Structures are given as structure tokens and as C-alpha cells.
Amino acid sequence: YYVAGQDIMVRKDDTSIKSVTDLNGKKVCS
């Protein structure tokens, strides 16, 4: 009934993560 897409949320002042590959070496929660 709906189609979403996985994305990323970061702190507002963090500009280091622009795509999923930038998560390498980062602590990521789900």
C-alpha cells in the first residue's frame, strides 16, 4: 500500500555523510 526507500539520518551539523558508502567506519544504528 506504500513504497518507501531506505535513507540515512544524521545530526544536523554533520556534513560528512552524503551517501550510504560514507557509512563505512561509522557507528550506525537501526
Full PDB file with SEQRES, HELIX, SHEET, SSBOND, CRYST1, ORIGX, SCALE, CONECT and MASTER records, all heavy atoms in Angstrom:
SEQRES   1 A   30  TYR TYR VAL ALA GLY GLN ASP ILE MET VAL ARG LYS ASP          
SEQRES   2 A   30  ASP THR SER ILE LYS SER VAL THR ASP LEU ASN GLY LYS          
SEQRES   3 A   30  LYS VAL CYS SER                                              
HELIX    1 AA1 VAL A   20  LEU A   23  5                                   4    
CRYST1    1.000    1.000    1.000  90.00  90.00  90.00 P 1           1          
ORIGX1      1.000000  0.000000  0.000000        0.00000                         
ORIGX2      0.000000  1.000000  0.000000        0.00000                         
ORIGX3      0.000000  0.000000  1.000000        0.00000                         
SCALE1      1.000000  0.000000  0.000000        0.00000                         
SCALE2      0.000000  1.000000  0.000000        0.00000                         
SCALE3      0.000000  0.000000  1.000000        0.00000                         
ATOM      1  N   TYR A   1       0.824  -1.204   0.000  1.00  0.00           N  
ATOM      2  CA  TYR A   1       0.000   0.000   0.000  1.00  0.00           C  
ATOM      3  C   TYR A   1       0.862   1.259   0.000  1.00  0.00           C  
ATOM      4  O   TYR A   1       0.333   2.375  -0.097  1.00  0.00           O  
ATOM      5  CB  TYR A   1      -0.953   0.016   1.204  1.00  0.00           C  
ATOM      6  CG  TYR A   1      -0.253  -0.016   2.548  1.00  0.00           C  
ATOM      7  CD1 TYR A   1       0.152   1.157   3.179  1.00  0.00           C  
ATOM      8  CD2 TYR A   1       0.001  -1.218   3.191  1.00  0.00           C  
ATOM      9  CE1 TYR A   1       0.807   1.135   4.395  1.00  0.00           C  
ATOM     10  CE2 TYR A   1       0.655  -1.249   4.421  1.00  0.00           C  
ATOM     11  CZ  TYR A   1       1.058  -0.084   5.016  1.00  0.00           C  
ATOM     12  OH  TYR A   1       1.719  -0.122   6.224  1.00  0.00           O  
ATOM     13  N   TYR A   2       2.182   1.083   0.081  1.00  0.00           N  
ATOM     14  CA  TYR A   2       3.095   2.227   0.031  1.00  0.00           C  
ATOM     15  C   TYR A   2       4.494   1.697  -0.268  1.00  0.00           C  
ATOM     16  O   TYR A   2       4.840   0.574   0.129  1.00  0.00           O  
ATOM     17  CB  TYR A   2       3.111   2.977   1.370  1.00  0.00           C  
ATOM     18  CG  TYR A   2       3.988   4.219   1.347  1.00  0.00           C  
ATOM     19  CD1 TYR A   2       3.587   5.351   0.650  1.00  0.00           C  
ATOM     20  CD2 TYR A   2       5.216   4.238   1.980  1.00  0.00           C  
ATOM     21  CE1 TYR A   2       4.400   6.469   0.594  1.00  0.00           C  
ATOM     22  CE2 TYR A   2       6.031   5.363   1.935  1.00  0.00           C  
ATOM     23  CZ  TYR A   2       5.621   6.475   1.239  1.00  0.00           C  
ATOM     24  OH  TYR A   2       6.425   7.586   1.175  1.00  0.00           O  
ATOM     25  N   VAL A   3       5.299   2.478  -0.977  1.00  0.00           N  
ATOM     26  CA  VAL A   3       6.689   2.105  -1.256  1.00  0.00           C  
ATOM     27  C   VAL A   3       7.610   3.213  -0.757  1.00  0.00           C  
ATOM     28  O   VAL A   3       7.508   4.364  -1.199  1.00  0.00           O  
ATOM     29  CB  VAL A   3       6.926   1.845  -2.754  1.00  0.00           C  
ATOM     30  CG1 VAL A   3       8.400   1.517  -3.004  1.00  0.00           C  
ATOM     31  CG2 VAL A   3       6.044   0.694  -3.242  1.00  0.00           C  
ATOM     32  N   ALA A   4       8.469   2.853   0.188  1.00  0.00           N  
ATOM     33  CA  ALA A   4       9.455   3.786   0.748  1.00  0.00           C  
ATOM     34  C   ALA A   4      10.833   3.449   0.179  1.00  0.00           C  
ATOM     35  O   ALA A   4      10.981   2.570  -0.677  1.00  0.00           O  
ATOM     36  CB  ALA A   4       9.458   3.688   2.268  1.00  0.00           C  
ATOM     37  N   GLY A   5      11.860   4.172   0.648  1.00  0.00           N  
ATOM     38  CA  GLY A   5      13.239   3.890   0.270  1.00  0.00           C  
ATOM     39  C   GLY A   5      14.139   4.133   1.463  1.00  0.00           C  
ATOM     40  O   GLY A   5      13.943   5.099   2.205  1.00  0.00           O  
ATOM     41  N   GLN A   6      15.097   3.259   1.700  1.00  0.00           N  
ATOM     42  CA  GLN A   6      15.971   3.416   2.864  1.00  0.00           C  
ATOM     43  C   GLN A   6      16.892   4.617   2.686  1.00  0.00           C  
ATOM     44  O   GLN A   6      17.476   4.833   1.628  1.00  0.00           O  
ATOM     45  CB  GLN A   6      16.794   2.153   3.093  1.00  0.00           C  
ATOM     46  CG  GLN A   6      17.592   2.197   4.402  1.00  0.00           C  
ATOM     47  CD  GLN A   6      18.247   0.876   4.733  1.00  0.00           C  
ATOM     48  OE1 GLN A   6      17.835  -0.166   4.233  1.00  0.00           O  
ATOM     49  NE2 GLN A   6      19.267   0.905   5.576  1.00  0.00           N  
ATOM     50  N   ASP A   7      17.010   5.405   3.759  1.00  0.00           N  
ATOM     51  CA  ASP A   7      17.838   6.606   3.736  1.00  0.00           C  
ATOM     52  C   ASP A   7      18.617   6.685   5.046  1.00  0.00           C  
ATOM     53  O   ASP A   7      18.647   5.711   5.827  1.00  0.00           O  
ATOM     54  CB  ASP A   7      16.948   7.839   3.527  1.00  0.00           C  
ATOM     55  CG  ASP A   7      17.668   8.981   2.815  1.00  0.00           C  
ATOM     56  OD1 ASP A   7      18.890   9.122   2.984  1.00  0.00           O  
ATOM     57  OD2 ASP A   7      16.990   9.742   2.101  1.00  0.00           O  
ATOM     58  N   ILE A   8      19.211   7.821   5.312  1.00  0.00           N  
ATOM     59  CA  ILE A   8      20.097   8.000   6.464  1.00  0.00           C  
ATOM     60  C   ILE A   8      19.738   9.297   7.173  1.00  0.00           C  
ATOM     61  O   ILE A   8      19.492  10.323   6.521  1.00  0.00           O  
ATOM     62  CB  ILE A   8      21.583   8.072   6.008  1.00  0.00           C  
ATOM     63  CG1 ILE A   8      21.959   6.827   5.190  1.00  0.00           C  
ATOM     64  CG2 ILE A   8      22.517   8.225   7.205  1.00  0.00           C  
ATOM     65  CD1 ILE A   8      23.175   7.044   4.303  1.00  0.00           C  
ATOM     66  N   MET A   9      19.712   9.258   8.499  1.00  0.00           N  
ATOM     67  CA  MET A   9      19.531  10.462   9.313  1.00  0.00           C  
ATOM     68  C   MET A   9      20.800  10.710  10.104  1.00  0.00           C  
ATOM     69  O   MET A   9      21.380   9.773  10.678  1.00  0.00           O  
ATOM     70  CB  MET A   9      18.333  10.293  10.256  1.00  0.00           C  
ATOM     71  CG  MET A   9      18.012  11.543  11.069  1.00  0.00           C  
ATOM     72  SD  MET A   9      16.473  11.345  12.035  1.00  0.00           S  
ATOM     73  CE  MET A   9      17.057  10.301  13.388  1.00  0.00           C  
ATOM     74  N   VAL A  10      21.239  11.962  10.138  1.00  0.00           N  
ATOM     75  CA  VAL A  10      22.448  12.347  10.865  1.00  0.00           C  
ATOM     76  C   VAL A  10      22.146  13.567  11.720  1.00  0.00           C  
ATOM     77  O   VAL A  10      21.079  14.177  11.601  1.00  0.00           O  
ATOM     78  CB  VAL A  10      23.610  12.662   9.889  1.00  0.00           C  
ATOM     79  CG1 VAL A  10      24.010  11.428   9.095  1.00  0.00           C  
ATOM     80  CG2 VAL A  10      23.243  13.814   8.950  1.00  0.00           C  
ATOM     81  N   ARG A  11      23.100  13.908  12.577  1.00  0.00           N  
ATOM     82  CA  ARG A  11      22.933  15.154  13.332  1.00  0.00           C  
ATOM     83  C   ARG A  11      22.981  16.330  12.364  1.00  0.00           C  
ATOM     84  O   ARG A  11      23.654  16.288  11.331  1.00  0.00           O  
ATOM     85  CB  ARG A  11      24.020  15.268  14.402  1.00  0.00           C  
ATOM     86  CG  ARG A  11      23.825  14.288  15.557  1.00  0.00           C  
ATOM     87  CD  ARG A  11      24.795  14.555  16.705  1.00  0.00           C  
ATOM     88  NE  ARG A  11      26.175  14.308  16.317  1.00  0.00           N  
ATOM     89  CZ  ARG A  11      26.749  13.103  16.360  1.00  0.00           C  
ATOM     90  NH1 ARG A  11      26.059  12.041  16.748  1.00  0.00           N  
ATOM     91  NH2 ARG A  11      28.007  12.958  16.008  1.00  0.00           N  
ATOM     92  N   LYS A  12      22.290  17.374  12.703  1.00  0.00           N  
ATOM     93  CA  LYS A  12      22.076  18.480  11.774  1.00  0.00           C  
ATOM     94  C   LYS A  12      23.385  19.126  11.319  1.00  0.00           C  
ATOM     95  O   LYS A  12      23.509  19.589  10.176  1.00  0.00           O  
ATOM     96  CB  LYS A  12      21.179  19.531  12.418  1.00  0.00           C  
ATOM     97  CG  LYS A  12      20.646  20.560  11.440  1.00  0.00           C  
ATOM     98  CD  LYS A  12      19.547  21.402  12.049  1.00  0.00           C  
ATOM     99  CE  LYS A  12      18.938  22.341  11.014  1.00  0.00           C  
ATOM    100  NZ  LYS A  12      17.824  23.136  11.572  1.00  0.00           N  
ATOM    101  N   ASP A  13      24.412  19.144  12.172  1.00  0.00           N  
ATOM    102  CA  ASP A  13      25.676  19.800  11.834  1.00  0.00           C  
ATOM    103  C   ASP A  13      26.690  18.858  11.185  1.00  0.00           C  
ATOM    104  O   ASP A  13      27.821  19.254  10.907  1.00  0.00           O  
ATOM    105  CB  ASP A  13      26.289  20.443  13.079  1.00  0.00           C  
ATOM    106  CG  ASP A  13      26.580  19.430  14.186  1.00  0.00           C  
ATOM    107  OD1 ASP A  13      26.194  18.247  14.043  1.00  0.00           O  
ATOM    108  OD2 ASP A  13      27.164  19.828  15.217  1.00  0.00           O  
ATOM    109  N   ASP A  14      26.303  17.599  10.923  1.00  0.00           N  
ATOM    110  CA  ASP A  14      27.216  16.619  10.341  1.00  0.00           C  
ATOM    111  C   ASP A  14      27.089  16.650   8.825  1.00  0.00           C  
ATOM    112  O   ASP A  14      26.043  16.321   8.272  1.00  0.00           O  
ATOM    113  CB  ASP A  14      26.883  15.221  10.874  1.00  0.00           C  
ATOM    114  CG  ASP A  14      27.883  14.167  10.405  1.00  0.00           C  
ATOM    115  OD1 ASP A  14      28.690  14.453   9.493  1.00  0.00           O  
ATOM    116  OD2 ASP A  14      27.828  13.043  10.946  1.00  0.00           O  
ATOM    117  N   THR A  15      28.177  17.031   8.156  1.00  0.00           N  
ATOM    118  CA  THR A  15      28.181  17.071   6.688  1.00  0.00           C  
ATOM    119  C   THR A  15      29.077  15.989   6.089  1.00  0.00           C  
ATOM    120  O   THR A  15      29.311  15.975   4.874  1.00  0.00           O  
ATOM    121  CB  THR A  15      28.656  18.444   6.195  1.00  0.00           C  
ATOM    122  OG1 THR A  15      29.991  18.698   6.691  1.00  0.00           O  
ATOM    123  CG2 THR A  15      27.728  19.551   6.660  1.00  0.00           C  
ATOM    124  N   SER A  16      29.540  15.067   6.913  1.00  0.00           N  
ATOM    125  CA  SER A  16      30.485  14.049   6.435  1.00  0.00           C  
ATOM    126  C   SER A  16      29.798  12.881   5.737  1.00  0.00           C  
ATOM    127  O   SER A  16      30.450  12.108   5.032  1.00  0.00           O  
ATOM    128  CB  SER A  16      31.320  13.512   7.603  1.00  0.00           C  
ATOM    129  OG  SER A  16      30.502  12.778   8.524  1.00  0.00           O  
ATOM    130  N   ILE A  17      28.484  12.729   5.925  1.00  0.00           N  
ATOM    131  CA  ILE A  17      27.768  11.585   5.355  1.00  0.00           C  
ATOM    132  C   ILE A  17      26.819  12.091   4.274  1.00  0.00           C  
ATOM    133  O   ILE A  17      25.860  12.807   4.543  1.00  0.00           O  
ATOM    134  CB  ILE A  17      26.991  10.824   6.447  1.00  0.00           C  
ATOM    135  CG1 ILE A  17      27.973  10.267   7.497  1.00  0.00           C  
ATOM    136  CG2 ILE A  17      26.168   9.693   5.838  1.00  0.00           C  
ATOM    137  CD1 ILE A  17      27.304   9.660   8.710  1.00  0.00           C  
ATOM    138  N   LYS A  18      27.118  11.701   3.047  1.00  0.00           N  
ATOM    139  CA  LYS A  18      26.312  12.146   1.903  1.00  0.00           C  
ATOM    140  C   LYS A  18      25.643  10.987   1.175  1.00  0.00           C  
ATOM    141  O   LYS A  18      24.729  11.202   0.364  1.00  0.00           O  
ATOM    142  CB  LYS A  18      27.174  12.930   0.923  1.00  0.00           C  
ATOM    143  CG  LYS A  18      27.786  14.204   1.519  1.00  0.00           C  
ATOM    144  CD  LYS A  18      28.654  14.907   0.502  1.00  0.00           C  
ATOM    145  CE  LYS A  18      29.196  16.231   1.040  1.00  0.00           C  
ATOM    146  NZ  LYS A  18      30.096  16.031   2.209  1.00  0.00           N  
ATOM    147  N   SER A  19      26.088   9.760   1.433  1.00  0.00           N  
ATOM    148  CA  SER A  19      25.521   8.577   0.782  1.00  0.00           C  
ATOM    149  C   SER A  19      25.804   7.366   1.650  1.00  0.00           C  
ATOM    150  O   SER A  19      26.542   7.440   2.646  1.00  0.00           O  
ATOM    151  CB  SER A  19      26.127   8.377  -0.611  1.00  0.00           C  
ATOM    152  OG  SER A  19      27.484   7.981  -0.497  1.00  0.00           O  
ATOM    153  N   VAL A  20      25.266   6.227   1.269  1.00  0.00           N  
ATOM    154  CA  VAL A  20      25.413   5.012   2.075  1.00  0.00           C  
ATOM    155  C   VAL A  20      26.876   4.581   2.194  1.00  0.00           C  
ATOM    156  O   VAL A  20      27.288   4.055   3.231  1.00  0.00           O  
ATOM    157  CB  VAL A  20      24.542   3.872   1.499  1.00  0.00           C  
ATOM    158  CG1 VAL A  20      24.963   3.478   0.093  1.00  0.00           C  
ATOM    159  CG2 VAL A  20      24.561   2.661   2.424  1.00  0.00           C  
ATOM    160  N   THR A  21      27.695   4.802   1.167  1.00  0.00           N  
ATOM    161  CA  THR A  21      29.095   4.382   1.252  1.00  0.00           C  
ATOM    162  C   THR A  21      29.879   5.180   2.288  1.00  0.00           C  
ATOM    163  O   THR A  21      30.900   4.704   2.799  1.00  0.00           O  
ATOM    164  CB  THR A  21      29.785   4.501  -0.128  1.00  0.00           C  
ATOM    165  OG1 THR A  21      29.655   5.843  -0.608  1.00  0.00           O  
ATOM    166  CG2 THR A  21      29.157   3.535  -1.121  1.00  0.00           C  
ATOM    167  N   ASP A  22      29.396   6.373   2.630  1.00  0.00           N  
ATOM    168  CA  ASP A  22      30.050   7.177   3.660  1.00  0.00           C  
ATOM    169  C   ASP A  22      29.841   6.603   5.058  1.00  0.00           C  
ATOM    170  O   ASP A  22      30.431   7.106   6.024  1.00  0.00           O  
ATOM    171  CB  ASP A  22      29.538   8.615   3.628  1.00  0.00           C  
ATOM    172  CG  ASP A  22      29.938   9.347   2.362  1.00  0.00           C  
ATOM    173  OD1 ASP A  22      31.008   9.035   1.809  1.00  0.00           O  
ATOM    174  OD2 ASP A  22      29.169  10.222   1.927  1.00  0.00           O  
ATOM    175  N   LEU A  23      29.005   5.566   5.176  1.00  0.00           N  
ATOM    176  CA  LEU A  23      28.798   4.935   6.480  1.00  0.00           C  
ATOM    177  C   LEU A  23      29.940   3.993   6.853  1.00  0.00           C  
ATOM    178  O   LEU A  23      30.012   3.535   8.005  1.00  0.00           O  
ATOM    179  CB  LEU A  23      27.470   4.162   6.486  1.00  0.00           C  
ATOM    180  CG  LEU A  23      26.219   5.026   6.293  1.00  0.00           C  
ATOM    181  CD1 LEU A  23      24.976   4.148   6.273  1.00  0.00           C  
ATOM    182  CD2 LEU A  23      26.103   6.088   7.391  1.00  0.00           C  
ATOM    183  N   ASN A  24      30.802   3.667   5.923  1.00  0.00           N  
ATOM    184  CA  ASN A  24      31.978   2.855   6.246  1.00  0.00           C  
ATOM    185  C   ASN A  24      32.805   3.529   7.335  1.00  0.00           C  
ATOM    186  O   ASN A  24      33.123   4.722   7.236  1.00  0.00           O  
ATOM    187  CB  ASN A  24      32.848   2.647   4.995  1.00  0.00           C  
ATOM    188  CG  ASN A  24      32.286   1.602   4.062  1.00  0.00           C  
ATOM    189  OD1 ASN A  24      31.991   0.485   4.476  1.00  0.00           O  
ATOM    190  ND2 ASN A  24      32.131   1.956   2.795  1.00  0.00           N  
ATOM    191  N   GLY A  25      33.114   2.765   8.388  1.00  0.00           N  
ATOM    192  CA  GLY A  25      33.883   3.301   9.502  1.00  0.00           C  
ATOM    193  C   GLY A  25      33.066   4.086  10.506  1.00  0.00           C  
ATOM    194  O   GLY A  25      33.608   4.559  11.520  1.00  0.00           O  
ATOM    195  N   LYS A  26      31.765   4.232  10.277  1.00  0.00           N  
ATOM    196  CA  LYS A  26      30.895   4.996  11.177  1.00  0.00           C  
ATOM    197  C   LYS A  26      30.016   4.039  12.000  1.00  0.00           C  
ATOM    198  O   LYS A  26      29.686   2.942  11.560  1.00  0.00           O  
ATOM    199  CB  LYS A  26      29.989   5.944  10.376  1.00  0.00           C  
ATOM    200  CG  LYS A  26      30.753   6.899   9.451  1.00  0.00           C  
ATOM    201  CD  LYS A  26      31.438   7.996  10.207  1.00  0.00           C  
ATOM    202  CE  LYS A  26      32.258   8.897   9.302  1.00  0.00           C  
ATOM    203  NZ  LYS A  26      31.503   9.534   8.239  1.00  0.00           N  
ATOM    204  N   LYS A  27      29.626   4.496  13.183  1.00  0.00           N  
ATOM    205  CA  LYS A  27      28.666   3.747  14.010  1.00  0.00           C  
ATOM    206  C   LYS A  27      27.258   4.090  13.543  1.00  0.00           C  
ATOM    207  O   LYS A  27      26.869   5.259  13.553  1.00  0.00           O  
ATOM    208  CB  LYS A  27      28.843   4.093  15.481  1.00  0.00           C  
ATOM    209  CG  LYS A  27      30.146   3.574  16.081  1.00  0.00           C  
ATOM    210  CD  LYS A  27      30.230   3.870  17.572  1.00  0.00           C  
ATOM    211  CE  LYS A  27      31.512   3.287  18.164  1.00  0.00           C  
ATOM    212  NZ  LYS A  27      31.619   3.554  19.628  1.00  0.00           N  
ATOM    213  N   VAL A  28      26.525   3.074  13.134  1.00  0.00           N  
ATOM    214  CA  VAL A  28      25.213   3.260  12.520  1.00  0.00           C  
ATOM    215  C   VAL A  28      24.182   2.446  13.295  1.00  0.00           C  
ATOM    216  O   VAL A  28      24.404   1.276  13.596  1.00  0.00           O  
ATOM    217  CB  VAL A  28      25.224   2.807  11.049  1.00  0.00           C  
ATOM    218  CG1 VAL A  28      23.872   3.067  10.408  1.00  0.00           C  
ATOM    219  CG2 VAL A  28      26.341   3.504  10.278  1.00  0.00           C  
ATOM    220  N   CYS A  29      23.065   3.058  13.595  1.00  0.00           N  
ATOM    221  CA  CYS A  29      22.017   2.394  14.371  1.00  0.00           C  
ATOM    222  C   CYS A  29      20.789   2.109  13.518  1.00  0.00           C  
ATOM    223  O   CYS A  29      20.410   2.901  12.657  1.00  0.00           O  
ATOM    224  CB  CYS A  29      21.604   3.278  15.552  1.00  0.00           C  
ATOM    225  SG  CYS A  29      20.455   2.483  16.713  1.00  0.00           S  
ATOM    226  N   SER A  30      20.175   0.950  13.758  1.00  0.00           N  
ATOM    227  CA  SER A  30      18.851   0.656  13.237  1.00  0.00           C  
ATOM    228  C   SER A  30      18.187  -0.307  14.214  1.00  0.00           C  
ATOM    229  O   SER A  30      18.762  -0.633  15.255  1.00  0.00           O  
ATOM    230  CB  SER A  30      18.920   0.055  11.829  1.00  0.00           C  
ATOM    231  OG  SER A  30      17.625   0.079  11.241  1.00  0.00           O  
TER     232      SER A  30                                                      
MASTER        0    0    0    1    0    0    0    6  231    1    0    3          
END                                                                             
